[in-house]
N, C-alpha and C. Protein backbone atom coordinates (compact mmCIF):
# COMPACT_ATOMS: atom_id res chain seq x y z
N MET A 1 94.00 74.92 101.06
CA MET A 1 95.42 75.27 100.97
C MET A 1 95.77 75.83 102.41
N THR A 2 97.06 75.53 102.75
CA THR A 2 97.52 75.99 104.10
C THR A 2 98.33 77.29 103.86
N TYR A 3 98.60 77.96 104.88
CA TYR A 3 99.47 79.21 104.87
C TYR A 3 100.90 78.77 104.17
N GLN A 4 101.33 77.73 104.60
CA GLN A 4 102.69 77.31 104.07
C GLN A 4 102.64 77.08 102.68
N GLU A 5 101.59 76.36 102.15
CA GLU A 5 101.43 76.01 100.76
C GLU A 5 101.23 77.32 99.95
N LEU A 6 100.52 78.27 100.43
CA LEU A 6 100.37 79.50 99.67
C LEU A 6 101.67 80.19 99.55
N VAL A 7 102.39 80.43 100.60
CA VAL A 7 103.75 81.03 100.66
C VAL A 7 104.61 80.33 99.69
N GLU A 8 104.72 79.03 99.68
CA GLU A 8 105.55 78.38 98.77
C GLU A 8 105.15 78.55 97.30
N PHE A 9 103.87 78.61 97.08
CA PHE A 9 103.37 78.87 95.67
C PHE A 9 103.80 80.22 95.29
N LEU A 10 103.53 81.23 96.19
CA LEU A 10 103.90 82.63 95.69
C LEU A 10 105.44 82.77 95.54
N ASN A 11 106.29 82.07 96.36
CA ASN A 11 107.66 82.20 96.22
C ASN A 11 108.13 81.59 94.82
N GLN A 12 107.30 80.56 94.34
CA GLN A 12 107.69 80.05 93.03
C GLN A 12 107.16 80.79 91.82
N HIS A 13 106.08 81.55 92.01
CA HIS A 13 105.38 82.12 90.92
C HIS A 13 105.52 83.63 90.81
N LEU A 14 106.05 84.35 91.77
CA LEU A 14 106.10 85.86 91.69
C LEU A 14 107.11 86.49 90.84
N GLY A 15 108.15 85.62 90.36
CA GLY A 15 109.15 86.19 89.62
C GLY A 15 110.18 87.12 90.35
N TYR A 16 110.06 87.01 91.64
CA TYR A 16 111.18 87.55 92.58
C TYR A 16 111.02 86.76 93.83
N PRO A 17 112.09 86.49 94.52
CA PRO A 17 112.24 85.56 95.64
C PRO A 17 111.51 86.35 96.88
N LEU A 18 110.34 85.62 97.25
CA LEU A 18 109.65 86.02 98.38
C LEU A 18 110.39 85.57 99.68
N LEU A 19 110.87 84.44 99.65
CA LEU A 19 111.40 83.82 100.93
C LEU A 19 113.00 84.06 101.10
N GLY A 20 113.63 84.47 100.03
CA GLY A 20 115.05 84.76 100.01
C GLY A 20 115.89 83.68 100.61
N GLY A 21 115.44 82.38 100.19
CA GLY A 21 116.24 81.24 100.61
C GLY A 21 115.96 80.71 101.96
N LEU A 22 114.95 81.28 102.67
CA LEU A 22 114.51 80.82 103.89
C LEU A 22 113.37 79.88 103.68
N SER A 23 113.07 79.08 104.74
CA SER A 23 111.92 78.38 104.68
C SER A 23 110.75 79.20 105.07
N PRO A 24 109.47 78.80 104.88
CA PRO A 24 108.31 79.67 105.24
C PRO A 24 108.29 79.87 106.72
N ALA A 25 108.67 78.95 107.57
CA ALA A 25 108.66 79.14 108.91
C ALA A 25 109.80 80.16 109.40
N GLU A 26 110.95 80.01 108.76
CA GLU A 26 112.03 81.06 109.02
C GLU A 26 111.68 82.36 108.69
N ALA A 27 111.04 82.52 107.46
CA ALA A 27 110.69 83.81 106.93
C ALA A 27 109.55 84.50 107.75
N LEU A 28 108.63 83.74 108.19
CA LEU A 28 107.58 84.27 109.02
C LEU A 28 108.06 84.74 110.37
N GLN A 29 108.87 83.96 110.90
CA GLN A 29 109.53 84.28 112.21
C GLN A 29 110.40 85.51 112.05
N ALA A 30 111.21 85.61 111.00
CA ALA A 30 112.11 86.82 110.74
C ALA A 30 111.12 87.99 110.67
N ALA A 31 110.02 87.86 109.86
CA ALA A 31 108.97 88.96 109.62
C ALA A 31 108.49 89.45 110.95
N GLN A 32 108.04 88.49 111.72
CA GLN A 32 107.42 88.90 113.06
C GLN A 32 108.47 89.45 114.00
N ASN A 33 109.73 89.19 113.81
CA ASN A 33 110.79 89.69 114.72
C ASN A 33 111.52 90.92 114.08
N ASN A 34 110.94 91.36 112.99
CA ASN A 34 111.45 92.58 112.33
C ASN A 34 112.89 92.48 111.84
N THR A 35 113.29 91.20 111.51
CA THR A 35 114.61 90.98 111.09
C THR A 35 114.70 90.47 109.60
N LEU A 36 113.66 90.53 108.95
CA LEU A 36 113.67 90.11 107.54
C LEU A 36 114.24 91.38 106.65
N GLU A 37 115.09 90.99 105.76
CA GLU A 37 115.74 92.11 105.01
C GLU A 37 114.70 93.02 104.32
N ASP A 38 113.80 92.43 103.68
CA ASP A 38 112.79 93.15 102.80
C ASP A 38 111.52 93.50 103.50
N PRO A 39 111.32 94.78 103.82
CA PRO A 39 110.05 95.13 104.52
C PRO A 39 108.73 94.92 103.91
N LEU A 40 108.84 94.88 102.58
CA LEU A 40 107.61 94.55 101.78
C LEU A 40 107.23 93.06 102.00
N THR A 41 108.23 92.16 101.87
CA THR A 41 108.03 90.75 102.11
C THR A 41 107.49 90.52 103.57
N ALA A 42 108.11 91.13 104.52
CA ALA A 42 107.68 91.02 105.92
C ALA A 42 106.19 91.34 106.01
N GLU A 43 105.78 92.54 105.41
CA GLU A 43 104.32 92.94 105.55
C GLU A 43 103.39 91.99 104.84
N VAL A 44 103.78 91.43 103.68
CA VAL A 44 103.00 90.42 103.01
C VAL A 44 102.87 89.19 103.79
N LEU A 45 103.93 88.68 104.39
CA LEU A 45 103.92 87.40 105.11
C LEU A 45 102.91 87.63 106.32
N ILE A 46 103.18 88.70 107.01
CA ILE A 46 102.36 88.89 108.26
C ILE A 46 100.83 89.20 107.86
N ALA A 47 100.72 90.01 106.89
CA ALA A 47 99.33 90.42 106.52
C ALA A 47 98.49 89.16 106.13
N ILE A 48 98.98 88.25 105.36
CA ILE A 48 98.28 87.07 104.95
C ILE A 48 98.00 86.25 106.15
N TYR A 49 99.09 86.02 106.98
CA TYR A 49 99.05 85.21 108.17
C TYR A 49 97.96 85.68 109.09
N GLN A 50 97.97 86.92 109.43
CA GLN A 50 96.90 87.53 110.31
C GLN A 50 95.63 87.74 109.76
N GLY A 51 95.54 88.00 108.44
CA GLY A 51 94.32 88.11 107.66
C GLY A 51 93.42 86.85 107.70
N ASN A 52 94.18 85.65 107.70
CA ASN A 52 93.56 84.37 107.85
C ASN A 52 93.42 83.83 109.32
N HIS A 53 93.81 84.74 110.22
CA HIS A 53 93.76 84.33 111.61
C HIS A 53 94.55 82.95 111.93
N CYS A 54 95.75 82.85 111.33
CA CYS A 54 96.53 81.70 111.44
C CYS A 54 97.22 81.70 112.83
N GLN A 55 97.37 80.45 113.25
CA GLN A 55 98.08 80.26 114.49
C GLN A 55 99.30 79.38 114.24
N ALA A 56 99.33 78.73 113.03
CA ALA A 56 100.40 77.85 112.67
C ALA A 56 100.51 77.83 111.03
N LEU A 57 101.64 77.37 110.64
CA LEU A 57 101.94 77.42 109.19
C LEU A 57 100.95 76.43 108.47
N GLY A 58 100.43 75.39 109.10
CA GLY A 58 99.63 74.44 108.53
C GLY A 58 98.11 74.82 108.57
N ASP A 59 97.69 76.05 109.04
CA ASP A 59 96.32 76.42 109.14
C ASP A 59 95.85 76.86 107.67
N PRO A 60 94.60 76.63 107.51
CA PRO A 60 94.07 76.85 106.23
C PRO A 60 93.93 78.35 105.87
N VAL A 61 94.02 78.69 104.69
CA VAL A 61 93.91 80.28 104.28
C VAL A 61 92.86 80.15 103.10
N ASP A 62 92.30 81.30 102.84
CA ASP A 62 91.35 81.38 101.78
C ASP A 62 91.58 82.76 101.09
N ARG A 63 90.95 82.89 99.83
CA ARG A 63 91.20 83.95 99.10
C ARG A 63 90.72 85.28 99.71
N ALA A 64 89.50 85.23 100.16
CA ALA A 64 88.90 86.45 100.73
C ALA A 64 89.73 87.04 101.98
N HIS A 65 90.09 86.23 102.90
CA HIS A 65 90.86 86.58 103.99
C HIS A 65 92.22 87.08 103.62
N SER A 66 92.77 86.42 102.72
CA SER A 66 94.15 86.75 102.18
C SER A 66 94.18 88.16 101.65
N PHE A 67 93.23 88.44 100.79
CA PHE A 67 93.16 89.77 100.17
C PHE A 67 92.69 90.85 101.24
N ASP A 68 91.85 90.41 102.16
CA ASP A 68 91.50 91.43 103.24
C ASP A 68 92.74 91.75 104.05
N GLY A 69 93.67 90.83 104.30
CA GLY A 69 94.79 91.13 105.07
C GLY A 69 95.77 91.96 104.31
N LEU A 70 95.76 91.93 102.88
CA LEU A 70 96.60 92.73 102.17
C LEU A 70 95.92 94.11 101.69
N ALA A 71 94.82 94.35 102.23
CA ALA A 71 94.06 95.47 101.68
C ALA A 71 94.87 96.83 101.95
N ARG A 72 95.42 97.04 103.03
CA ARG A 72 96.27 98.29 103.29
C ARG A 72 97.41 98.45 102.30
N LEU A 73 98.09 97.34 102.23
CA LEU A 73 99.27 97.37 101.33
C LEU A 73 98.79 97.66 99.91
N ARG A 74 97.83 97.04 99.42
CA ARG A 74 97.21 97.20 98.05
C ARG A 74 96.90 98.63 97.85
N LEU A 75 96.16 99.27 98.91
CA LEU A 75 95.67 100.71 98.72
C LEU A 75 96.93 101.66 98.73
N ARG A 76 97.86 101.41 99.54
CA ARG A 76 99.09 102.17 99.52
C ARG A 76 99.80 102.05 98.27
N ALA A 77 99.86 100.87 97.69
CA ALA A 77 100.53 100.73 96.37
C ALA A 77 99.88 101.34 95.26
N GLN A 78 98.60 101.65 95.42
CA GLN A 78 97.81 102.29 94.29
C GLN A 78 97.68 103.90 94.45
N ALA A 79 98.25 104.26 95.53
CA ALA A 79 98.19 105.85 95.79
C ALA A 79 99.04 106.60 94.70
N ASP A 80 98.55 107.70 94.40
CA ASP A 80 99.22 108.55 93.34
C ASP A 80 100.78 108.71 93.46
N ASP A 81 101.21 108.75 94.83
CA ASP A 81 102.58 108.97 95.04
C ASP A 81 103.41 107.71 95.28
N ALA A 82 102.81 106.56 94.96
CA ALA A 82 103.37 105.33 95.21
C ALA A 82 104.64 104.99 94.38
N ASP A 83 105.45 104.35 94.85
CA ASP A 83 106.84 103.99 94.13
C ASP A 83 106.26 102.88 92.92
N PRO A 84 106.54 103.23 91.70
CA PRO A 84 106.08 102.36 90.61
C PRO A 84 106.66 100.87 90.77
N PHE A 85 107.83 100.76 91.34
CA PHE A 85 108.49 99.49 91.58
C PHE A 85 107.51 98.70 92.55
N ILE A 86 107.21 99.31 93.63
CA ILE A 86 106.42 98.74 94.66
C ILE A 86 104.92 98.34 94.06
N PHE A 87 104.37 99.25 93.27
CA PHE A 87 103.13 99.08 92.67
C PHE A 87 103.12 97.69 91.84
N ARG A 88 104.27 97.61 91.09
CA ARG A 88 104.36 96.52 90.23
C ARG A 88 104.53 95.12 90.97
N LYS A 89 105.23 95.19 92.02
CA LYS A 89 105.39 94.01 93.01
C LYS A 89 104.10 93.64 93.57
N VAL A 90 103.30 94.64 93.99
CA VAL A 90 101.97 94.31 94.66
C VAL A 90 101.03 93.94 93.69
N LEU A 91 101.10 94.44 92.49
CA LEU A 91 100.19 93.96 91.38
C LEU A 91 100.51 92.54 91.03
N LYS A 92 101.64 92.25 90.90
CA LYS A 92 102.04 90.76 90.62
C LYS A 92 101.65 89.92 91.74
N LEU A 93 101.89 90.32 92.97
CA LEU A 93 101.41 89.57 94.17
C LEU A 93 99.96 89.29 94.13
N SER A 94 99.22 90.32 93.84
CA SER A 94 97.71 90.13 93.72
C SER A 94 97.30 89.18 92.62
N GLN A 95 98.00 89.23 91.61
CA GLN A 95 97.64 88.33 90.42
C GLN A 95 98.01 86.93 90.83
N GLU A 96 99.09 86.71 91.40
CA GLU A 96 99.57 85.29 91.73
C GLU A 96 98.71 84.86 92.96
N LEU A 97 98.44 85.65 93.81
CA LEU A 97 97.53 85.19 95.03
C LEU A 97 96.19 84.66 94.49
N ASP A 98 95.68 85.43 93.49
CA ASP A 98 94.41 84.91 92.78
C ASP A 98 94.68 83.58 92.13
N ASN A 99 95.80 83.51 91.41
CA ASN A 99 96.17 82.29 90.65
C ASN A 99 96.36 81.09 91.54
N ALA A 100 96.87 81.32 92.76
CA ALA A 100 97.09 80.25 93.71
C ALA A 100 95.72 79.61 94.09
N PHE A 101 94.78 80.45 94.35
CA PHE A 101 93.53 79.97 94.81
C PHE A 101 92.78 79.33 93.64
N ASP A 102 92.98 79.84 92.41
CA ASP A 102 92.36 79.27 91.23
C ASP A 102 92.95 77.87 90.88
N GLN A 103 94.22 77.78 91.03
CA GLN A 103 94.90 76.53 90.82
C GLN A 103 94.37 75.43 91.79
N GLU A 104 94.19 75.88 93.21
CA GLU A 104 93.69 75.04 94.31
C GLU A 104 92.37 74.64 93.95
N LEU A 105 91.42 75.39 93.42
CA LEU A 105 90.11 75.06 93.05
C LEU A 105 90.09 74.04 91.91
N ILE A 106 90.97 74.24 90.89
CA ILE A 106 91.00 73.31 89.87
C ILE A 106 91.52 71.99 90.35
N ARG A 107 92.54 71.92 91.26
CA ARG A 107 93.05 70.66 91.79
C ARG A 107 91.95 69.94 92.58
N GLN A 108 91.08 70.73 93.37
CA GLN A 108 90.10 70.09 94.21
C GLN A 108 88.97 69.42 93.25
N ARG A 109 88.72 70.03 92.02
CA ARG A 109 87.59 69.58 91.18
C ARG A 109 88.10 68.37 90.40
N GLN A 110 89.40 68.05 90.36
CA GLN A 110 89.86 66.89 89.56
C GLN A 110 89.82 65.65 90.39
């Protein structure tokens, strides 16, 4: 699975708009330029991109590197003083990230 495919999967399955009507390329560029409206989305997009050492949208991503990239965010969201709304969003993100790689594995085995 590529970075772009993963971001598109998450955008379709999270239950909230990850890309906000932007293409994955536009959203990543806005996140990198600190011009994306939602700072959580910006952090997610950059964390997965950097965690997988991507140089382009078509670069491959994997489960372990994606979760490694999101580790700080996940720990912050689980803190005792974390906003429950953010906790729920990050929990859903983690579930759907796992689901994306599960679906990719199923697709590869067919």
